[in-house]
Amino acid sequence: MNDKLMVPNLAETIRDRVRGFIFDAIPDDQIDKMIEKEYKTFFETRYEKDYNGRDKKDKPLPSYFEKMVQEEMMKQMDEAVKSVIQKKVSELEQEWEEDFPRLLGPLVEKLAPSALQSVIGVIVSRTLESLRQNTY
C-alpha cells in the first residue's frame, strides 16, 4: 500500500526537478526576452500578412488585447440594447392594451353601421341571386 502512495509522489518530485532544471538552464536575460516578446504580441497592433509573410502596414489588425476588449464591449452593448428594446416593447404593449379600446371604440362605432349594412347587402343580394337561379 505504501508502494502505491510513493509512485505518484516520486513522479511529481521528478517532474518538479526536471521543470526546475529546464528553467534554471535558461539565462535570466533570455527569460526576460521571452516575456517581453509575449507582452508585445499581446498588446501591440498586428498587421495582415502578404503572401511572403511580411506585414502589410496598410492593413492593421487589433492587438489580442484590443480584440478581447472589443468582444467584451460588444457583449455588454448587445445586452444593454436588448434590455432597452425589451423595455420599450413592453411599454408599447401596455400602452396598446390600454389605448386600443379607447382609440378603436369610436372608430368601430362610426364604421360599424356602414360595415353591417354592407355585409347584410351582400348576404341579401346573394340570397336573391340564388333564389332566381333556384340554387338555394
Foldseek 3Di string as FASTA:
>chain_A
DVVVVVVVVVVVVVVVVVVVVVVVPDDPVVVVVVVVVVVCQQQPWAADADPVRDGDVVGIDGRNNVVVVVVVVVVVVVVVVVVVVVVVVVVVVVCCVVCVCVVCVVVCVVCVVVVVVVVVVVVVVVVVVCVVVVND
